[in-house]
N, C-alpha and C. Protein backbone atom coordinates (compact mmCIF):
# COMPACT_ATOMS: atom_id res chain seq x y z
N MET A 1 -3.47 -5.19 -18.43
CA MET A 1 -3.13 -6.44 -17.79
C MET A 1 -1.83 -6.26 -16.99
N ALA A 2 -1.84 -6.75 -15.78
CA ALA A 2 -0.70 -6.58 -14.87
C ALA A 2 0.42 -7.55 -15.20
N LEU A 3 1.62 -7.22 -14.75
CA LEU A 3 2.78 -8.09 -14.95
C LEU A 3 2.71 -9.36 -14.11
N VAL A 4 2.13 -9.26 -12.92
CA VAL A 4 1.97 -10.41 -12.02
C VAL A 4 0.49 -10.60 -11.74
N PRO A 5 0.06 -11.84 -11.42
CA PRO A 5 -1.35 -12.06 -11.11
C PRO A 5 -1.78 -11.27 -9.87
N MET A 6 -2.92 -10.60 -9.97
CA MET A 6 -3.46 -9.82 -8.86
C MET A 6 -4.67 -10.56 -8.29
N LYS A 7 -4.44 -11.46 -7.34
CA LYS A 7 -5.49 -12.33 -6.80
C LYS A 7 -6.06 -11.86 -5.46
N GLN A 8 -5.34 -10.98 -4.76
CA GLN A 8 -5.82 -10.50 -3.47
C GLN A 8 -6.43 -9.10 -3.62
N THR A 9 -7.05 -8.64 -2.56
CA THR A 9 -7.68 -7.33 -2.54
C THR A 9 -7.29 -6.60 -1.25
N ILE A 10 -7.00 -5.32 -1.38
CA ILE A 10 -6.77 -4.46 -0.21
C ILE A 10 -7.77 -3.32 -0.25
N GLU A 11 -7.95 -2.69 0.89
CA GLU A 11 -8.75 -1.47 0.97
C GLU A 11 -7.85 -0.35 1.48
N VAL A 12 -7.97 0.81 0.85
CA VAL A 12 -7.19 1.98 1.25
C VAL A 12 -8.16 3.04 1.77
N VAL A 13 -7.95 3.48 3.00
CA VAL A 13 -8.76 4.54 3.60
C VAL A 13 -7.91 5.80 3.56
N LYS A 14 -8.33 6.77 2.75
CA LYS A 14 -7.59 8.02 2.59
C LYS A 14 -7.66 8.84 3.88
N SER A 15 -6.58 9.51 4.19
CA SER A 15 -6.50 10.36 5.37
C SER A 15 -6.88 11.79 4.96
N THR A 16 -7.99 12.26 5.49
CA THR A 16 -8.42 13.63 5.22
C THR A 16 -8.68 14.34 6.54
N THR A 17 -8.46 15.66 6.56
CA THR A 17 -8.70 16.45 7.77
C THR A 17 -9.57 17.65 7.42
N ASP A 18 -10.28 18.14 8.43
CA ASP A 18 -11.09 19.34 8.23
C ASP A 18 -10.25 20.58 8.53
N ASP A 19 -10.90 21.75 8.57
CA ASP A 19 -10.19 23.01 8.81
C ASP A 19 -9.55 23.08 10.20
N TRP A 20 -10.06 22.29 11.14
CA TRP A 20 -9.55 22.31 12.50
C TRP A 20 -8.48 21.24 12.73
N GLY A 21 -8.16 20.47 11.72
CA GLY A 21 -7.14 19.44 11.86
C GLY A 21 -7.65 18.11 12.36
N ARG A 22 -8.98 17.96 12.48
CA ARG A 22 -9.56 16.70 12.92
C ARG A 22 -9.69 15.75 11.74
N THR A 23 -9.51 14.47 11.98
CA THR A 23 -9.59 13.46 10.93
C THR A 23 -11.04 13.20 10.58
N ILE A 24 -11.32 13.21 9.27
CA ILE A 24 -12.66 12.92 8.76
C ILE A 24 -12.63 11.52 8.15
N PRO A 25 -13.55 10.63 8.57
CA PRO A 25 -13.55 9.28 7.98
C PRO A 25 -13.93 9.35 6.50
N SER A 26 -13.26 8.54 5.70
CA SER A 26 -13.56 8.51 4.27
C SER A 26 -13.96 7.10 3.87
N VAL A 27 -14.47 6.98 2.66
CA VAL A 27 -14.93 5.69 2.15
C VAL A 27 -13.72 4.88 1.68
N PRO A 28 -13.59 3.61 2.11
CA PRO A 28 -12.46 2.80 1.66
C PRO A 28 -12.56 2.49 0.16
N VAL A 29 -11.40 2.48 -0.50
CA VAL A 29 -11.33 2.17 -1.93
C VAL A 29 -10.62 0.82 -2.06
N SER A 30 -11.20 -0.11 -2.83
CA SER A 30 -10.63 -1.44 -3.01
C SER A 30 -9.75 -1.50 -4.25
N TYR A 31 -8.64 -2.23 -4.13
CA TYR A 31 -7.72 -2.44 -5.25
C TYR A 31 -7.36 -3.91 -5.32
N LYS A 32 -7.26 -4.45 -6.54
CA LYS A 32 -6.72 -5.78 -6.76
C LYS A 32 -5.21 -5.68 -6.61
N CYS A 33 -4.58 -6.69 -6.01
CA CYS A 33 -3.15 -6.60 -5.75
C CYS A 33 -2.54 -7.99 -5.60
N ARG A 34 -1.23 -7.99 -5.42
CA ARG A 34 -0.48 -9.20 -5.08
C ARG A 34 0.19 -8.93 -3.75
N VAL A 35 -0.05 -9.80 -2.77
CA VAL A 35 0.49 -9.60 -1.43
C VAL A 35 1.43 -10.76 -1.10
N GLU A 36 2.62 -10.41 -0.63
CA GLU A 36 3.57 -11.39 -0.14
C GLU A 36 3.75 -11.16 1.35
N GLU A 37 3.47 -12.20 2.13
CA GLU A 37 3.59 -12.10 3.59
C GLU A 37 4.95 -12.66 3.99
N LYS A 38 5.93 -11.77 4.14
CA LYS A 38 7.26 -12.16 4.59
C LYS A 38 7.90 -10.98 5.28
N LEU A 39 8.91 -11.27 6.06
CA LEU A 39 9.61 -10.23 6.82
C LEU A 39 10.58 -9.48 5.92
N ASN A 40 10.45 -8.16 5.86
CA ASN A 40 11.32 -7.30 5.06
C ASN A 40 11.88 -6.19 5.94
N VAL A 41 13.11 -5.80 5.67
CA VAL A 41 13.70 -4.62 6.32
C VAL A 41 13.90 -3.58 5.23
N VAL A 42 13.19 -2.45 5.35
CA VAL A 42 13.23 -1.39 4.34
C VAL A 42 13.57 -0.07 5.01
N LYS A 43 13.94 0.91 4.21
CA LYS A 43 14.14 2.28 4.71
C LYS A 43 12.85 3.04 4.50
N ASN A 44 12.32 3.63 5.57
CA ASN A 44 11.06 4.37 5.47
C ASN A 44 11.31 5.76 4.90
N GLU A 45 10.28 6.59 4.88
CA GLU A 45 10.40 7.93 4.29
C GLU A 45 11.36 8.84 5.04
N ALA A 46 11.64 8.54 6.31
CA ALA A 46 12.58 9.33 7.10
C ALA A 46 14.02 8.82 6.97
N GLY A 47 14.21 7.72 6.22
CA GLY A 47 15.54 7.16 6.04
C GLY A 47 15.94 6.18 7.12
N GLU A 48 15.03 5.84 8.01
CA GLU A 48 15.32 4.89 9.08
C GLU A 48 14.92 3.49 8.64
N GLU A 49 15.56 2.48 9.22
CA GLU A 49 15.21 1.10 8.90
C GLU A 49 13.90 0.74 9.61
N ALA A 50 13.02 0.08 8.87
CA ALA A 50 11.74 -0.36 9.41
C ALA A 50 11.52 -1.81 9.03
N THR A 51 10.97 -2.59 9.93
CA THR A 51 10.66 -3.99 9.66
C THR A 51 9.20 -4.09 9.26
N THR A 52 8.95 -4.70 8.10
CA THR A 52 7.59 -4.84 7.59
C THR A 52 7.28 -6.32 7.39
N THR A 53 6.00 -6.65 7.38
CA THR A 53 5.59 -8.04 7.19
C THR A 53 4.82 -8.26 5.89
N LEU A 54 4.41 -7.19 5.22
CA LEU A 54 3.66 -7.32 3.98
C LEU A 54 4.31 -6.52 2.87
N LYS A 55 4.41 -7.13 1.69
CA LYS A 55 4.84 -6.44 0.48
C LYS A 55 3.67 -6.52 -0.49
N ILE A 56 3.15 -5.36 -0.90
CA ILE A 56 1.97 -5.30 -1.75
C ILE A 56 2.37 -4.73 -3.11
N LEU A 57 1.99 -5.42 -4.17
CA LEU A 57 2.21 -4.94 -5.54
C LEU A 57 0.86 -4.59 -6.13
N LEU A 58 0.73 -3.35 -6.61
CA LEU A 58 -0.50 -2.85 -7.22
C LEU A 58 -0.22 -2.51 -8.68
N ASP A 59 -1.21 -2.70 -9.54
CA ASP A 59 -1.05 -2.44 -10.97
C ASP A 59 -1.01 -0.95 -11.25
N LYS A 60 -0.03 -0.54 -12.03
CA LYS A 60 0.17 0.84 -12.49
C LYS A 60 0.41 1.79 -11.31
N LEU A 61 0.10 3.05 -11.47
CA LEU A 61 0.31 4.06 -10.43
C LEU A 61 -0.96 4.23 -9.61
N VAL A 62 -0.87 3.99 -8.32
CA VAL A 62 -2.03 4.04 -7.43
C VAL A 62 -1.86 5.23 -6.49
N ASP A 63 -2.96 5.97 -6.26
CA ASP A 63 -2.95 7.13 -5.37
C ASP A 63 -2.97 6.63 -3.92
N ILE A 64 -1.79 6.48 -3.35
CA ILE A 64 -1.65 6.04 -1.96
C ILE A 64 -0.57 6.90 -1.32
N ASP A 65 -0.79 7.26 -0.04
CA ASP A 65 0.10 8.18 0.66
C ASP A 65 0.51 7.55 1.99
N TYR A 66 1.54 8.12 2.60
CA TYR A 66 2.03 7.59 3.88
C TYR A 66 1.03 7.81 5.02
N ASP A 67 0.09 8.72 4.88
CA ASP A 67 -0.91 8.96 5.92
C ASP A 67 -2.14 8.08 5.79
N ASP A 68 -2.28 7.36 4.67
CA ASP A 68 -3.44 6.50 4.44
C ASP A 68 -3.32 5.21 5.27
N THR A 69 -4.45 4.57 5.50
CA THR A 69 -4.48 3.29 6.18
C THR A 69 -4.82 2.21 5.17
N VAL A 70 -3.99 1.16 5.14
CA VAL A 70 -4.19 0.05 4.22
C VAL A 70 -4.70 -1.14 5.03
N ILE A 71 -5.79 -1.76 4.56
CA ILE A 71 -6.41 -2.89 5.25
C ILE A 71 -6.32 -4.11 4.34
N PHE A 72 -5.79 -5.20 4.89
CA PHE A 72 -5.67 -6.46 4.15
C PHE A 72 -6.17 -7.60 5.02
N VAL A 73 -6.99 -8.47 4.45
CA VAL A 73 -7.47 -9.67 5.13
C VAL A 73 -6.98 -10.86 4.32
N ASN A 74 -6.18 -11.74 4.94
CA ASN A 74 -5.65 -12.87 4.20
C ASN A 74 -6.66 -14.01 4.12
N GLU A 75 -6.26 -15.13 3.54
CA GLU A 75 -7.15 -16.26 3.31
C GLU A 75 -7.63 -16.91 4.60
N LEU A 76 -6.89 -16.74 5.70
CA LEU A 76 -7.27 -17.30 6.99
C LEU A 76 -8.17 -16.36 7.79
N GLY A 77 -8.43 -15.16 7.25
CA GLY A 77 -9.29 -14.19 7.92
C GLY A 77 -8.54 -13.28 8.87
N ILE A 78 -7.21 -13.30 8.85
CA ILE A 78 -6.42 -12.43 9.72
C ILE A 78 -6.34 -11.05 9.07
N LYS A 79 -6.80 -10.06 9.83
CA LYS A 79 -6.88 -8.69 9.32
C LYS A 79 -5.65 -7.89 9.74
N THR A 80 -5.04 -7.21 8.77
CA THR A 80 -3.91 -6.33 9.03
C THR A 80 -4.29 -4.93 8.58
N SER A 81 -4.16 -3.96 9.47
CA SER A 81 -4.51 -2.58 9.17
C SER A 81 -3.37 -1.68 9.64
N ARG A 82 -2.61 -1.13 8.66
CA ARG A 82 -1.46 -0.29 9.00
C ARG A 82 -1.28 0.83 8.00
N LYS A 83 -0.38 1.75 8.36
CA LYS A 83 0.04 2.81 7.46
C LYS A 83 1.28 2.33 6.71
N PRO A 84 1.48 2.72 5.46
CA PRO A 84 2.65 2.27 4.70
C PRO A 84 3.96 2.75 5.31
N ALA A 85 4.97 1.85 5.29
CA ALA A 85 6.31 2.22 5.73
C ALA A 85 7.13 2.73 4.55
N LYS A 86 6.88 2.18 3.37
CA LYS A 86 7.60 2.59 2.17
C LYS A 86 6.69 2.41 0.96
N ILE A 87 6.71 3.40 0.05
CA ILE A 87 5.97 3.35 -1.20
C ILE A 87 6.97 3.57 -2.32
N ASN A 88 6.96 2.68 -3.31
CA ASN A 88 7.90 2.75 -4.40
C ASN A 88 7.16 2.50 -5.71
N VAL A 89 7.40 3.33 -6.72
CA VAL A 89 6.80 3.14 -8.04
C VAL A 89 7.84 2.51 -8.95
N ILE A 90 7.50 1.38 -9.55
CA ILE A 90 8.39 0.69 -10.48
C ILE A 90 8.02 1.11 -11.89
N ARG A 91 9.01 1.64 -12.63
CA ARG A 91 8.76 2.17 -13.97
C ARG A 91 9.56 1.40 -15.01
N ASP A 92 9.09 1.45 -16.29
CA ASP A 92 9.84 0.83 -17.38
C ASP A 92 10.85 1.83 -17.94
N PHE A 93 11.52 1.45 -19.03
CA PHE A 93 12.56 2.31 -19.60
C PHE A 93 12.02 3.64 -20.11
N GLY A 94 10.77 3.67 -20.54
CA GLY A 94 10.19 4.90 -21.04
C GLY A 94 9.62 5.80 -19.97
N GLY A 95 9.64 5.35 -18.70
CA GLY A 95 9.13 6.16 -17.60
C GLY A 95 7.68 5.86 -17.23
N LYS A 96 7.05 4.92 -17.92
CA LYS A 96 5.66 4.56 -17.63
C LYS A 96 5.60 3.72 -16.35
N ALA A 97 4.65 4.04 -15.47
CA ALA A 97 4.50 3.30 -14.21
C ALA A 97 3.94 1.91 -14.50
N LEU A 98 4.66 0.88 -14.06
CA LEU A 98 4.22 -0.50 -14.23
C LEU A 98 3.54 -1.03 -12.97
N LEU A 99 4.16 -0.81 -11.81
CA LEU A 99 3.65 -1.32 -10.54
C LEU A 99 3.89 -0.29 -9.44
N THR A 100 3.04 -0.33 -8.43
CA THR A 100 3.26 0.43 -7.20
C THR A 100 3.54 -0.59 -6.12
N GLU A 101 4.68 -0.42 -5.44
CA GLU A 101 5.10 -1.36 -4.39
C GLU A 101 4.91 -0.67 -3.04
N VAL A 102 4.17 -1.32 -2.14
CA VAL A 102 3.88 -0.77 -0.83
C VAL A 102 4.30 -1.77 0.23
N TYR A 103 5.04 -1.31 1.22
CA TYR A 103 5.47 -2.16 2.34
C TYR A 103 4.70 -1.73 3.58
N LEU A 104 4.11 -2.72 4.28
CA LEU A 104 3.39 -2.47 5.55
C LEU A 104 4.09 -3.23 6.66
């Protein structure tokens, strides 16, 4: 059971390449999550400031990478499809992963 209610759903399309470096389409994987639509300023993986509009909380440790594409459709039917700007794993005192935080 998650710490926060997970009422929304996202799809993650993994980024895979063949031997020649061409992108191979993969099957999207759905995850239950909590999405907050607000403006955030975060530091991306390069250490630069990035402005994001979505904060996604996923239960436990989720296999998501900076090259993956995350697709979210809100209640009004507005579709957002982007690559993560920041991925953060929230852990408890014992080191167990509680939530995965993703900013788009």
